[in-house]
């Protein structure tokens, strides 16, 4: 299928569109070249940044390693004292734990004796309750049998009595139906005689009512004429009253005119007073404007102060967060130092334990403690007290946790033994003495005796 021929205008538009597409492709290619160049520059910048960062870290390590080595030597020679103190505290705590275990075993034996006594009393009490229960069940069974026999006798007597009553009621009902039929036929004859008499009476009453209606109509016409005459008299009276009211309205209009003149005079006086007191009003308005402006300025100042306080609070919170992070980093650093010291302590020989401190380490320790005593003595005391209290609290918490776990296990063992003992107990089953009582349906009994 051949494509349709294009007009010259369409050909020019198509060529123009092709040129625009070429320009767009060229611009897009230039932009892509720029993007590639920038990505290469960014990658090269990242590589240079990483290279210089590695060099900077190596330089920092070279500077910091000697100081860290001195700190480790100082900690290594001073950690022995701390370990000796800890060993002494641990020995004291072990003695206390031994005494506590002896006391606990004594209490546990007393508890077991008490539980044995309780179990014996519980068994004796169960035997007594079992004997009482059996005797009570026997008495209830005898009483129930006696009551059941008496109830059967009573129900039989009542059933016989109801049967006789139903038979007598059926006989009385047949007799009553026969009497009602005879009365109905006699009343029907009387009703026909009464209807004839009633028709004659109604005829006389209707004639009398027709005469009364004619008389009422005549009376209503006379009454209507009389009412018209009364309305004419009332119209004359109202006309006289309207004339007097018109005169009164004219007098009131004159009085209103006088009051209007007085009001105009008073309005003129008010304008004069307003001109005289205008300056005072302007002063009051200026004062009001001044107070309004001062109120706005004070409100703006308060908002600025509130914003400044909020900024200070935010800065304070940031400082607190930085402080907490710094303390956490110091804590982690201390933990690493303790681990390294423990490792060094394990690798230390007997000969190295009795060697004196080096002179460089002693001078460094003297400078360090002198610096702490001069600048950070209160902080150091608080930190020492805090870690002492923390260690005591943690030891007490660990002891209580172990004792709680042991008591929970003992409690579970006691519960299991008690449940097993209760499961082994047996009780006699109570027999079910349900006896069905015959019910008498009245409708069913009536159907047995057919109607005559």
Protein backbone atom coordinates (compact mmCIF):
# COMPACT_ATOMS: atom_id res chain seq x y z
CA UNK A 1 0.00 0.00 0.00
CA UNK A 2 1.52 3.37 -1.08
CA UNK A 3 1.83 6.22 1.44
CA UNK A 4 -0.32 9.29 0.68
CA UNK A 5 1.41 12.28 -0.91
CA UNK A 6 2.25 15.19 1.41
CA UNK A 7 1.59 18.83 0.69
CA UNK A 8 4.49 21.35 0.59
CA UNK A 9 3.50 22.76 3.99
CA UNK A 10 3.50 19.27 5.54
CA UNK A 11 6.92 18.54 3.97
CA UNK A 12 8.38 21.77 5.39
CA UNK A 13 6.91 20.99 8.82
CA UNK A 14 8.34 17.45 8.67
CA UNK A 15 11.84 18.72 7.73
CA UNK A 16 11.65 21.30 10.50
CA UNK A 17 10.72 18.57 13.00
CA UNK A 18 13.65 16.41 11.82
CA UNK A 19 16.08 19.34 12.31
CA UNK A 20 14.70 19.94 15.82
CA UNK A 21 15.11 16.25 16.69
CA UNK A 22 18.76 16.34 15.51
CA UNK A 23 19.44 19.42 17.64
CA UNK A 24 17.87 17.73 20.68
CA UNK A 25 19.99 14.60 20.12
CA UNK A 26 23.16 16.72 19.88
CA UNK A 27 22.30 18.63 23.08
CA UNK A 28 21.47 15.40 24.90
CA UNK A 29 24.81 13.91 23.80
CA UNK A 30 26.66 16.98 25.14
CA UNK A 31 24.82 16.72 28.46
CA UNK A 32 25.65 13.02 28.67
CA UNK A 33 29.35 13.79 28.06
CA UNK A 34 29.25 16.35 30.86
CA UNK A 35 27.59 13.85 33.19
CA UNK A 36 30.23 11.21 32.41
CA UNK A 37 33.00 13.73 33.02
CA UNK A 38 31.47 14.75 36.38
CA UNK A 39 31.00 11.13 37.48
CA UNK A 40 34.69 10.41 36.65
CA UNK A 41 35.72 13.50 38.64
CA UNK A 42 33.57 12.41 41.61
CA UNK A 43 35.02 8.90 41.55
CA UNK A 44 38.56 10.30 41.39
CA UNK A 45 37.73 12.66 44.29
CA UNK A 46 36.45 9.76 46.41
CA UNK A 47 39.62 7.76 45.70
CA UNK A 48 41.84 10.68 46.68
CA UNK A 49 39.74 11.26 49.81
CA UNK A 50 40.13 7.62 50.86
CA UNK A 51 43.87 7.67 50.17
CA UNK A 52 44.44 10.82 52.26
CA UNK A 53 42.16 9.42 54.98
CA UNK A 54 44.31 6.28 55.22
CA UNK A 55 47.44 8.42 55.44
CA UNK A 56 45.85 10.56 58.15
CA UNK A 57 44.86 7.47 60.18
CA UNK A 58 48.40 6.08 59.92
CA UNK A 59 49.83 9.40 61.13
CA UNK A 60 47.38 9.49 64.08
CA UNK A 61 48.31 5.93 65.01
CA UNK A 62 52.01 6.82 64.95
CA UNK A 63 51.32 9.75 67.27
CA UNK A 64 48.89 7.95 69.62
CA UNK A 65 50.62 4.55 69.97
CA UNK A 66 53.43 5.71 72.34
CA UNK A 67 50.93 7.37 74.65
CA UNK A 68 48.66 4.33 74.60
CA UNK A 69 51.67 2.11 75.37
CA UNK A 70 52.51 4.24 78.43
CA UNK A 71 48.85 4.13 79.56
CA UNK A 72 48.80 0.35 79.26
CA UNK A 73 52.02 0.00 81.24
CA UNK A 74 50.60 2.20 83.99
CA UNK A 75 47.34 0.22 84.05
CA UNK A 76 49.23 -3.09 83.99
CA UNK A 77 51.32 -2.24 87.09
CA UNK A 78 48.38 -0.75 89.02
CA UNK A 79 45.72 -3.33 88.18
CA UNK A 80 47.30 -5.87 90.56
CA UNK A 81 46.20 -3.83 93.58
CA UNK A 82 42.62 -3.75 92.32
CA UNK A 83 42.67 -7.52 91.71
CA UNK A 84 43.93 -8.18 95.27
CA UNK A 85 41.11 -6.05 96.70
CA UNK A 86 38.58 -7.90 94.58
CA UNK A 87 39.95 -11.30 95.72
CA UNK A 88 39.60 -10.25 99.36
CA UNK A 89 36.01 -9.06 98.81
CA UNK A 90 35.17 -12.29 96.97
CA UNK A 91 36.51 -14.41 99.88
CA UNK A 92 34.37 -12.43 102.37
CA UNK A 93 31.30 -12.86 100.16
CA UNK A 94 31.95 -16.61 99.85
CA UNK A 95 32.01 -16.91 103.67
CA UNK A 96 28.71 -15.05 103.90
CA UNK A 97 27.20 -17.27 101.19
CA UNK A 98 28.28 -20.38 103.12
CA UNK A 99 26.62 -19.11 106.32
CA UNK A 100 23.47 -18.21 104.40
CA UNK A 101 23.32 -21.70 102.83
CA UNK A 102 23.57 -23.35 106.26
CA UNK A 103 20.76 -21.15 107.60
CA UNK A 104 18.67 -21.89 104.52
CA UNK A 105 19.09 -25.68 104.91
CA UNK A 106 18.04 -25.42 108.57
CA UNK A 107 14.93 -23.47 107.57
CA UNK A 108 14.20 -25.98 104.79
CA UNK A 109 14.32 -28.94 107.21
CA UNK A 110 11.94 -27.14 109.59
CA UNK A 111 9.64 -26.41 106.67
CA UNK A 112 9.60 -30.12 105.67
CA UNK A 113 8.71 -31.16 109.25
CA UNK A 114 5.83 -28.68 109.30
CA UNK A 115 4.57 -29.95 105.95
CA UNK A 116 4.60 -33.58 107.23
CA UNK A 117 2.51 -32.55 110.25
CA UNK A 118 0.07 -30.71 108.00
CA UNK A 119 -0.30 -33.73 105.71
CA UNK A 120 -1.06 -36.03 108.70
CA UNK A 121 -3.73 -33.66 110.04
CA UNK A 122 -5.16 -33.34 106.53
CA UNK A 123 -5.46 -37.16 106.18
CA UNK A 124 -7.22 -37.53 109.56
CA UNK A 125 -9.62 -34.73 108.67
CA UNK A 126 -10.41 -36.40 105.34
CA UNK A 127 -11.24 -39.72 107.07
CA UNK A 128 -13.65 -38.00 109.47
CA UNK A 129 -15.35 -36.11 106.65
CA UNK A 130 -15.69 -39.33 104.63
CA UNK A 131 -17.49 -41.14 107.52
CA UNK A 132 -19.82 -38.17 108.09
CA UNK A 133 -20.54 -37.97 104.37
CA UNK A 134 -21.54 -41.66 104.14
CA UNK A 135 -23.91 -41.40 107.14
CA UNK A 136 -25.53 -38.25 105.77
CA UNK A 137 -26.04 -39.88 102.32
CA UNK A 138 -27.77 -42.88 103.96
CA UNK A 139 -30.15 -40.64 105.94
CA UNK A 140 -31.00 -38.60 102.83
CA UNK A 141 -31.72 -41.80 100.85
CA UNK A 142 -34.18 -43.11 103.51
CA UNK A 143 -35.93 -39.73 103.73
CA UNK A 144 -36.22 -39.52 99.94
CA UNK A 145 -37.81 -43.03 99.72
CA UNK A 146 -40.44 -42.14 102.35
CA UNK A 147 -41.32 -38.86 100.65
CA UNK A 148 -41.57 -40.61 97.27
CA UNK A 149 -44.14 -43.17 98.59
CA UNK A 150 -46.31 -40.48 100.15
CA UNK A 151 -46.23 -38.44 96.92
CA UNK A 152 -47.33 -41.48 94.86
CA UNK A 153 -50.36 -42.08 97.14
CA UNK A 154 -51.39 -38.43 96.95
CA UNK A 155 -51.12 -38.34 93.15
CA UNK A 156 -53.30 -41.47 92.75
CA UNK A 157 -56.04 -39.98 94.96
CA UNK A 158 -55.96 -36.70 93.02
CA UNK A 159 -56.17 -38.48 89.65
CA UNK A 160 -59.31 -40.41 90.70
CA UNK A 161 -60.92 -37.26 92.06
CA UNK A 162 -60.24 -35.38 88.78
CA UNK A 163 -61.78 -38.17 86.70
CA UNK A 164 -65.05 -38.08 88.69
CA UNK A 165 -65.17 -34.29 88.48
CA UNK A 166 -64.72 -34.34 84.70
CA UNK A 167 -67.58 -36.84 84.28
CA UNK A 168 -69.96 -34.73 86.39
CA UNK A 169 -68.97 -31.58 84.44
CA UNK A 170 -69.77 -33.28 81.12
CA UNK A 171 -73.30 -34.29 82.34
CA UNK A 172 -73.97 -30.76 83.63
CA UNK A 173 -72.83 -29.26 80.33
CA UNK A 174 -75.27 -31.39 78.26
CA UNK A 175 -78.17 -30.39 80.55
CA UNK A 176 -77.23 -26.71 80.27
CA UNK A 177 -77.17 -26.88 76.44
CA UNK A 178 -80.70 -28.36 76.36
CA UNK A 179 -82.06 -25.61 78.64
CA UNK A 180 -80.42 -22.84 76.58
CA UNK A 181 -81.99 -24.10 73.33
CA UNK A 182 -85.50 -23.98 74.85
CA UNK A 183 -84.93 -20.47 76.19
CA UNK A 184 -83.63 -19.29 72.80
CA UNK A 185 -86.79 -20.38 70.90
CA UNK A 186 -89.06 -18.70 73.46
CA UNK A 187 -87.07 -15.47 73.31
CA UNK A 188 -87.20 -15.44 69.50
CA UNK A 189 -91.04 -15.16 69.52
CA UNK A 190 -90.92 -12.39 72.11
CA UNK A 191 -88.34 -10.52 69.99
CA UNK A 192 -90.67 -10.49 66.91
CA UNK A 193 -93.55 -9.00 68.96
CA UNK A 194 -91.23 -6.36 70.41
CA UNK A 195 -89.98 -5.39 66.92
CA UNK A 196 -93.52 -4.69 65.70
CA UNK A 197 -94.23 -2.48 68.72
CA UNK A 198 -90.88 -0.72 68.21
CA UNK A 199 -91.70 0.10 64.57
CA UNK A 200 -94.97 1.75 65.59
CA UNK A 201 -93.17 3.80 68.25
CA UNK A 202 -90.46 4.88 65.77
CA UNK A 203 -93.09 6.08 63.30
CA UNK A 204 -94.71 8.31 65.94
CA UNK A 205 -91.31 9.63 67.06
CA UNK A 206 -90.27 10.53 63.48
CA UNK A 207 -93.50 12.46 62.90
CA UNK A 208 -92.95 14.37 66.14
CA UNK A 209 -89.32 15.18 65.18
CA UNK A 210 -90.37 16.47 61.73
CA UNK A 211 -92.81 18.92 63.42
CA UNK A 212 -90.05 20.04 65.80
CA UNK A 213 -87.62 20.67 62.90
CA UNK A 214 -90.19 22.90 61.16
CA UNK A 215 -90.72 24.89 64.35
CA UNK A 216 -86.93 25.27 64.86
CA UNK A 217 -86.46 26.57 61.30
CA UNK A 218 -89.15 29.19 61.82
CA UNK A 219 -87.54 30.26 65.10
CA UNK A 220 -84.05 30.51 63.50
CA UNK A 221 -85.35 32.89 60.78
CA UNK A 222 -86.86 35.16 63.40
CA UNK A 223 -83.64 35.04 65.44
CA UNK A 224 -81.54 35.95 62.37
CA UNK A 225 -83.60 39.07 61.71
CA UNK A 226 -83.22 40.11 65.33
CA UNK A 227 -79.43 39.58 65.12
CA UNK A 228 -79.17 41.83 62.04
CA UNK A 229 -80.93 44.66 63.87
CA UNK A 230 -78.46 44.30 66.78
CA UNK A 231 -75.48 44.45 64.39
CA UNK A 232 -76.76 47.72 62.90
CA UNK A 233 -76.97 49.27 66.36
CA UNK A 234 -73.37 48.11 67.12
CA UNK A 235 -72.16 49.63 63.81
CA UNK A 236 -73.58 53.02 64.76
CA UNK A 237 -71.84 52.87 68.15
CA UNK A 238 -68.48 51.91 66.56
CA UNK A 239 -68.74 54.77 64.07
CA UNK A 240 -69.13 57.27 66.90
CA UNK A 241 -66.10 55.74 68.67
CA UNK A 242 -64.04 55.96 65.44
CA UNK A 243 -64.80 59.67 65.08
CA UNK A 244 -63.63 60.34 68.64
CA UNK A 245 -60.46 58.28 67.93
CA UNK A 246 -59.66 60.37 64.83
CA UNK A 247 -59.83 63.54 66.94
CA UNK A 248 -57.48 61.95 69.51
CA UNK A 249 -55.00 60.96 66.76
CA UNK A 250 -54.92 64.55 65.48
CA UNK A 251 -54.09 65.79 68.97
CA UNK A 252 -51.32 63.16 69.31
CA UNK A 253 -49.84 64.19 65.94
CA UNK A 254 -49.58 67.79 67.11
CA UNK A 255 -47.81 66.64 70.28
CA UNK A 256 -45.36 64.51 68.21
CA UNK A 257 -44.52 67.58 66.10
CA UNK A 258 -43.68 69.54 69.24
CA UNK A 259 -41.45 66.68 70.49
CA UNK A 260 -39.67 66.56 67.12
CA UNK A 261 -38.80 70.26 67.43
CA UNK A 262 -37.46 69.65 70.95
CA UNK A 263 -35.36 66.72 69.64
CA UNK A 264 -33.87 68.90 66.90
CA UNK A 265 -32.86 71.51 69.49
CA UNK A 266 -31.26 68.81 71.69
CA UNK A 267 -29.34 67.37 68.70
CA UNK A 268 -27.93 70.84 67.98
CA UNK A 269 -26.81 71.13 71.59
CA UNK A 270 -25.17 67.66 71.34
CA UNK A 271 -23.17 68.70 68.27
CA UNK A 272 -21.98 71.82 70.07
CA UNK A 273 -20.84 69.76 73.07
CA UNK A 274 -19.11 67.30 70.74
CA UNK A 275 -17.09 70.11 69.17
CA UNK A 276 -16.13 71.36 72.63
CA UNK A 277 -15.12 67.89 73.97
CA UNK A 278 -13.50 66.66 70.72
CA UNK A 279 -9.94 67.36 71.88
CA UNK A 280 -10.41 65.25 75.01
CA UNK A 281 -11.74 62.36 72.90
CA UNK A 282 -8.73 62.60 70.59
CA UNK A 283 -6.37 62.47 73.58
CA UNK A 284 -8.12 59.38 74.90
CA UNK A 285 -7.94 57.71 71.48
CA UNK A 286 -4.21 58.49 71.20
CA UNK A 287 -3.62 56.99 74.66
CA UNK A 288 -5.57 53.89 73.65
CA UNK A 289 -3.46 53.56 70.47
CA UNK A 290 -0.24 53.98 72.50
CA UNK A 291 -1.27 51.26 74.95
CA UNK A 292 -2.24 48.97 72.07
CA UNK A 293 1.17 49.45 70.39
CA UNK A 294 3.04 48.86 73.67
CA UNK A 295 1.01 45.68 74.22
CA UNK A 296 1.98 44.41 70.76
CA UNK A 297 5.68 45.22 71.33
CA UNK A 298 5.65 43.47 74.70
CA UNK A 299 3.98 40.44 73.12
CA UNK A 300 6.63 40.35 70.37
CA UNK A 301 9.43 40.64 72.96
CA UNK A 302 7.92 37.81 74.97
CA UNK A 303 7.72 35.63 71.87
CA UNK A 304 11.37 36.38 71.03
CA UNK A 305 12.45 35.56 74.58
CA UNK A 306 10.40 32.35 74.45
CA UNK A 307 12.09 31.40 71.19
CA UNK A 308 15.53 32.19 72.68
CA UNK A 309 14.73 30.04 75.74
CA UNK A 310 13.63 27.21 73.46
CA UNK A 311 16.90 27.47 71.47
CA UNK A 312 18.89 27.42 74.70
CA UNK A 313 16.97 24.39 75.89
CA UNK A 314 17.62 22.62 72.59
CA UNK A 315 21.33 23.48 72.81
CA UNK A 316 21.42 22.21 76.40
CA UNK A 317 19.74 18.95 75.35
CA UNK A 318 22.31 18.54 72.55
CA UNK A 319 25.12 19.11 75.04
CA UNK A 320 23.58 16.51 77.37
CA UNK A 321 23.36 14.00 74.52
CA UNK A 322 26.99 14.65 73.57
CA UNK A 323 28.01 14.25 77.22
CA UNK A 324 26.20 10.91 77.49
CA UNK A 325 27.84 9.72 74.27
CA UNK A 326 31.25 10.78 75.61
CA UNK A 327 30.62 8.92 78.89
CA UNK A 328 29.55 5.82 76.95
CA UNK A 329 32.73 5.97 74.86
CA UNK A 330 34.81 6.35 78.05
CA UNK A 331 32.98 3.37 79.53
CA UNK A 332 33.75 1.26 76.45
CA UNK A 333 37.37 2.41 76.54
CA UNK A 334 37.62 1.44 80.22
CA UNK A 335 36.15 -1.98 79.47
CA UNK A 336 38.72 -2.57 76.73
CA UNK A 337 41.51 -1.46 79.10
CA UNK A 338 40.25 -3.87 81.77
CA UNK A 339 40.14 -6.73 79.27
CA UNK A 340 43.68 -5.94 78.07
CA UNK A 341 44.86 -5.68 81.68
CA UNK A 342 43.31 -9.06 82.48
CA UNK A 343 45.08 -10.60 79.49
CA UNK A 344 48.37 -8.98 80.55
CA UNK A 345 47.87 -10.24 84.10
CA UNK A 346 47.52 -13.79 82.83
CA UNK A 347 50.74 -13.47 80.78
CA UNK A 348 52.73 -11.94 83.68
CA UNK A 349 55.44 -14.17 85.21
CA UNK A 350 56.33 -14.54 88.88
CA UNK A 351 59.49 -12.53 88.40
CA UNK A 352 57.67 -9.65 86.77
CA UNK A 353 55.16 -9.49 89.63
CA UNK A 354 57.84 -8.50 92.17
CA UNK A 355 59.60 -5.96 89.94
CA UNK A 356 59.33 -2.29 91.07
CA UNK A 357 57.63 0.35 88.95
CA UNK A 358 59.67 2.13 86.31
CA UNK A 359 60.72 5.69 86.82
CA UNK A 360 58.86 6.89 83.69
CA UNK A 361 55.69 5.17 84.80
CA UNK A 362 56.01 6.58 88.32
CA UNK A 363 56.51 10.11 86.99
CA UNK A 364 53.56 9.69 84.66
CA UNK A 365 51.42 8.36 87.56
CA UNK A 366 52.45 11.27 89.75
CA UNK A 367 51.54 13.76 87.01
CA UNK A 368 48.25 11.97 86.34
CA UNK A 369 47.13 11.88 90.00
CA UNK A 370 48.35 15.45 90.54
CA UNK A 371 46.25 16.56 87.56
CA UNK A 372 43.21 14.70 88.91
CA UNK A 373 43.62 16.16 92.41
CA UNK A 374 43.93 19.69 91.04
CA UNK A 375 41.13 19.77 88.46
CA UNK A 376 38.84 16.73 88.66
CA UNK A 377 38.99 15.59 92.31
CA UNK A 378 35.19 15.93 92.99
CA UNK A 379 34.34 14.10 89.77
CA UNK A 380 36.77 11.26 90.52
CA UNK A 381 35.34 10.79 94.04
CA UNK A 382 31.80 10.68 92.71
CA UNK A 383 32.78 8.15 90.03
CA UNK A 384 34.56 5.92 92.56
CA UNK A 385 31.56 6.05 94.92
CA UNK A 386 29.19 5.33 92.03
CA UNK A 387 31.08 2.23 90.87
CA UNK A 388 31.39 0.96 94.48
CA UNK A 389 27.63 1.27 95.01
CA UNK A 390 26.97 -0.27 91.61
CA UNK A 391 29.14 -3.31 92.46
CA UNK A 392 27.42 -3.79 95.85
CA UNK A 393 23.94 -3.50 94.30
CA UNK A 394 24.81 -5.93 91.50
CA UNK A 395 26.16 -8.53 93.96
CA UNK A 396 23.00 -8.28 96.11
CA UNK A 397 20.82 -8.49 92.99
CA UNK A 398 22.65 -11.61 91.78
CA UNK A 399 22.26 -13.33 95.19
CA UNK A 400 18.53 -12.51 95.38
CA UNK A 401 18.02 -13.73 91.82
CA UNK A 402 19.64 -17.10 92.59
CA UNK A 403 17.60 -17.50 95.79
CA UNK A 404 14.36 -16.60 93.94
CA UNK A 405 15.07 -19.21 91.25
CA UNK A 406 15.74 -21.91 93.86
CA UNK A 407 12.53 -21.08 95.80
CA UNK A 408 10.48 -21.17 92.59
CA UNK A 409 11.81 -24.65 91.81
CA UNK A 410 11.00 -25.89 95.34
CA UNK A 411 7.50 -24.41 95.13
CA UNK A 412 6.87 -26.18 91.81
CA UNK A 413 8.03 -29.51 93.29
CA UNK A 414 5.67 -29.08 96.27
CA UNK A 415 2.73 -28.21 93.96
CA UNK A 416 3.37 -31.29 91.82
CA UNK A 417 3.51 -33.58 94.87
CA UNK A 418 0.29 -32.09 96.28
CA UNK A 419 -1.51 -32.55 92.94
CA UNK A 420 -0.38 -36.19 92.72
CA UNK A 421 -1.65 -36.83 96.26
CA UNK A 422 -5.05 -35.27 95.46
CA UNK A 423 -5.32 -37.32 92.26
CA UNK A 424 -4.81 -40.55 94.21
CA UNK A 425 -7.72 -39.84 96.61
CA UNK A 426 -11.01 -41.70 95.80
CA UNK A 427 -14.58 -40.85 96.86
CA UNK A 428 -17.74 -43.02 96.55
CA UNK A 429 -20.15 -41.97 93.86
CA UNK A 430 -23.61 -40.68 94.91
CA UNK A 431 -26.44 -42.67 93.26
CA UNK A 432 -29.06 -40.77 91.29
CA UNK A 433 -32.59 -41.17 92.73
CA UNK A 434 -34.54 -39.43 89.98
CA UNK A 435 -38.07 -40.89 89.72
CA UNK A 436 -40.51 -39.87 87.00
CA UNK A 437 -43.95 -38.63 88.21
CA UNK A 438 -46.95 -39.18 85.95
CA UNK A 439 -48.63 -35.98 84.74
CA UNK A 440 -52.35 -35.86 83.83
CA UNK A 441 -53.38 -33.85 80.75
CA UNK A 442 -56.96 -32.43 81.13
CA UNK A 443 -57.61 -32.17 77.37
CA UNK A 444 -56.56 -35.79 76.84
CA UNK A 445 -58.91 -36.98 79.62
CA UNK A 446 -61.84 -34.99 78.13
CA UNK A 447 -61.28 -36.63 74.72
CA UNK A 448 -61.74 -40.06 76.34
CA UNK A 449 -65.42 -39.26 77.10
CA UNK A 450 -67.30 -38.51 73.83
CA UNK A 451 -69.99 -35.82 73.78
CA UNK A 452 -73.60 -37.00 73.55
